[in-house]
Amino acid sequence: MTWRGTTTVSDRVFASLPYLLPLVEVLVFGVFLIKQFPVIGVLFLPLIPLLSIYNVNSFIPLLIFLALFMFVVRNEKINHFIRFNTMQAILLDIVIFLCRILTDVIGLVPSSDFAVQTLYTTIFLGIVGASIYSIAQSLLGRYAEIPAISEAVYTQVR
């Protein structure tokens, strides 16, 4: 079992890669914001190839989720820093999944377009902000502390 300690450059890069998962999944919620501000869409252009691969089959997201959880998070031979960040990215992905369920339920209730656009934009900005913060902290070799999510990660990753 590897304990906390210094992180190498490769550990930092590998720890930041799982955050591509929530960034790819949250693009669905950014539709309204990207329509209003096309410059934001340009920033996400590098993720388009990943999005096309990710959405080829409906089982690919599940397989990626299970692979990350089983082969990275539960593998104690991998550095704690990488396992922590992978689990945190998975939990951000679960938050996106729960938000999709919420927006599907809200879509059943007649409401104004403004309320739906505000909800979508809030979800998009929240996940993008958390992901960028976590990527930056990972590249600096620090643990990204996101309230409630990091606490849940600490209980899963020993």
Protein backbone atom coordinates (compact mmCIF):
# COMPACT_ATOMS: atom_id res chain seq x y z
CA MET A 1 0.00 0.00 0.00
CA THR A 2 1.37 3.41 -0.90
CA TRP A 3 0.96 6.23 1.55
CA ARG A 4 0.85 9.95 1.07
CA GLY A 5 4.12 11.53 0.25
CA THR A 6 5.83 13.39 -2.49
CA THR A 7 4.39 13.11 -5.95
CA THR A 8 6.32 12.80 -9.17
CA VAL A 9 5.49 14.69 -12.33
CA SER A 10 3.98 11.55 -13.88
CA ASP A 11 1.80 11.05 -10.79
CA ARG A 12 0.56 14.62 -11.14
CA VAL A 13 -0.30 14.17 -14.81
CA PHE A 14 -2.03 10.82 -14.25
CA ALA A 15 -3.96 12.30 -11.31
CA SER A 16 -5.32 15.11 -13.47
CA LEU A 17 -6.42 12.91 -16.42
CA PRO A 18 -9.57 11.44 -14.79
CA TYR A 19 -11.06 14.94 -14.59
CA LEU A 20 -11.56 14.78 -18.35
CA LEU A 21 -14.49 12.45 -17.62
CA PRO A 22 -16.67 15.06 -15.85
CA LEU A 23 -15.60 17.72 -18.35
CA VAL A 24 -16.80 15.58 -21.24
CA GLU A 25 -20.06 14.65 -19.55
CA VAL A 26 -20.97 18.16 -18.46
CA LEU A 27 -20.84 19.56 -22.00
CA VAL A 28 -24.52 18.65 -22.36
CA PHE A 29 -25.38 21.24 -19.73
CA GLY A 30 -23.28 23.95 -21.40
CA VAL A 31 -25.41 24.20 -24.52
CA PHE A 32 -27.20 27.42 -23.53
CA LEU A 33 -24.06 29.14 -22.28
CA ILE A 34 -22.03 28.16 -25.34
CA LYS A 35 -24.80 29.50 -27.62
CA GLN A 36 -24.66 32.85 -25.85
CA PHE A 37 -20.85 32.97 -25.62
CA PRO A 38 -19.27 31.05 -28.53
CA VAL A 39 -15.78 31.76 -27.21
CA ILE A 40 -16.43 29.26 -24.42
CA GLY A 41 -17.15 26.62 -27.05
CA VAL A 42 -13.71 27.21 -28.56
CA LEU A 43 -12.13 26.35 -25.21
CA PHE A 44 -13.86 22.97 -25.26
CA LEU A 45 -12.92 22.05 -28.84
CA PRO A 46 -10.11 19.68 -27.71
CA LEU A 47 -12.75 17.62 -25.87
CA ILE A 48 -14.89 17.03 -28.99
CA PRO A 49 -12.90 13.92 -30.12
CA LEU A 50 -13.22 12.49 -26.62
CA LEU A 51 -16.94 13.23 -26.65
CA SER A 52 -17.42 11.44 -29.96
CA ILE A 53 -15.55 8.35 -28.69
CA TYR A 54 -17.39 8.51 -25.36
CA ASN A 55 -20.82 8.56 -27.00
CA VAL A 56 -20.25 5.81 -29.60
CA ASN A 57 -22.05 3.26 -27.46
CA SER A 58 -24.18 3.65 -24.34
CA PHE A 59 -22.04 1.06 -22.52
CA ILE A 60 -18.77 2.96 -22.92
CA PRO A 61 -19.46 5.42 -20.05
CA LEU A 62 -20.34 2.50 -17.77
CA LEU A 63 -17.22 0.57 -18.78
CA ILE A 64 -15.00 3.60 -18.19
CA PHE A 65 -16.62 4.18 -14.81
CA LEU A 66 -16.15 0.55 -13.74
CA ALA A 67 -12.60 0.38 -15.08
CA LEU A 68 -11.54 3.50 -13.21
CA PHE A 69 -13.19 2.34 -10.01
CA MET A 70 -12.00 -1.27 -10.06
CA PHE A 71 -8.54 -0.92 -11.58
CA VAL A 72 -7.44 2.45 -10.20
CA VAL A 73 -9.37 3.37 -7.05
CA ARG A 74 -9.37 -0.12 -5.54
CA ASN A 75 -5.78 -0.92 -6.54
CA GLU A 76 -3.66 -0.16 -3.49
CA LYS A 77 -0.46 -0.52 -5.51
CA ILE A 78 -1.26 2.78 -7.23
CA ASN A 79 -0.21 5.99 -5.50
CA HIS A 80 -2.82 7.41 -3.08
CA PHE A 81 -2.70 10.76 -4.87
CA ILE A 82 -3.82 9.21 -8.16
CA ARG A 83 -6.49 7.06 -6.49
CA PHE A 84 -7.85 10.07 -4.58
CA ASN A 85 -8.16 12.22 -7.69
CA THR A 86 -9.68 9.40 -9.71
CA MET A 87 -12.33 8.80 -7.07
CA GLN A 88 -13.04 12.52 -6.86
CA ALA A 89 -13.52 12.67 -10.65
CA ILE A 90 -15.87 9.68 -10.42
CA LEU A 91 -17.92 11.43 -7.74
CA LEU A 92 -18.13 14.56 -9.89
CA ASP A 93 -19.40 12.30 -12.66
CA ILE A 94 -22.02 10.87 -10.30
CA VAL A 95 -23.11 14.42 -9.46
CA ILE A 96 -23.60 15.05 -13.18
CA PHE A 97 -25.66 11.85 -13.46
CA LEU A 98 -27.87 12.96 -10.56
CA CYS A 99 -28.25 16.39 -12.14
CA ARG A 100 -29.39 14.73 -15.36
CA ILE A 101 -32.09 12.90 -13.44
CA LEU A 102 -33.09 16.16 -11.75
CA THR A 103 -33.31 18.04 -15.04
CA ASP A 104 -35.35 15.21 -16.59
CA VAL A 105 -37.83 15.45 -13.72
CA ILE A 106 -37.94 19.24 -13.95
CA GLY A 107 -38.51 18.90 -17.69
CA LEU A 108 -41.79 17.13 -16.92
CA VAL A 109 -43.07 20.14 -14.98
CA PRO A 110 -44.11 23.15 -17.04
CA SER A 111 -41.62 25.89 -16.26
CA SER A 112 -40.03 28.84 -17.95
CA ASP A 113 -37.11 28.44 -20.31
CA PHE A 114 -35.19 30.94 -18.20
CA ALA A 115 -35.33 28.66 -15.15
CA VAL A 116 -34.12 25.64 -17.14
CA GLN A 117 -31.33 27.65 -18.77
CA THR A 118 -30.24 28.98 -15.39
CA LEU A 119 -30.18 25.47 -13.92
CA TYR A 120 -28.20 24.07 -16.85
CA THR A 121 -25.71 26.93 -16.75
CA THR A 122 -25.27 26.61 -12.98
CA ILE A 123 -24.56 22.88 -13.24
CA PHE A 124 -22.16 23.47 -16.13
CA LEU A 125 -20.20 26.23 -14.40
CA GLY A 126 -20.09 24.34 -11.09
CA ILE A 127 -18.68 21.13 -12.56
CA VAL A 128 -16.28 22.95 -14.91
CA GLY A 129 -15.05 25.09 -12.01
CA ALA A 130 -14.56 22.07 -9.74
CA SER A 131 -12.80 20.14 -12.51
CA ILE A 132 -10.44 22.97 -13.45
CA TYR A 133 -9.65 23.62 -9.79
CA SER A 134 -8.94 19.91 -9.26
CA ILE A 135 -6.78 19.67 -12.38
CA ALA A 136 -4.75 22.71 -11.29
CA GLN A 137 -4.30 21.34 -7.77
CA SER A 138 -3.31 17.93 -9.14
CA LEU A 139 -0.71 19.42 -11.46
CA LEU A 140 0.70 21.35 -8.49
CA GLY A 141 0.88 18.12 -6.47
CA ARG A 142 -1.78 19.12 -3.94
CA TYR A 143 -4.98 17.40 -2.91
CA ALA A 144 -8.00 19.31 -4.23
CA GLU A 145 -10.40 19.83 -1.37
CA ILE A 146 -13.99 20.15 -2.57
CA PRO A 147 -16.47 20.31 0.33
CA ALA A 148 -18.59 17.18 0.82
CA ILE A 149 -17.09 15.44 -2.23
CA SER A 150 -13.56 15.21 -0.83
CA GLU A 151 -14.91 13.94 2.48
CA ALA A 152 -16.69 11.14 0.64
CA VAL A 153 -13.52 10.38 -1.31
CA TYR A 154 -11.49 10.06 1.91
CA THR A 155 -13.95 7.45 3.17
CA GLN A 156 -13.56 5.40 -0.03
CA VAL A 157 -9.79 5.74 -0.57
CA ARG A 158 -7.64 4.61 2.31
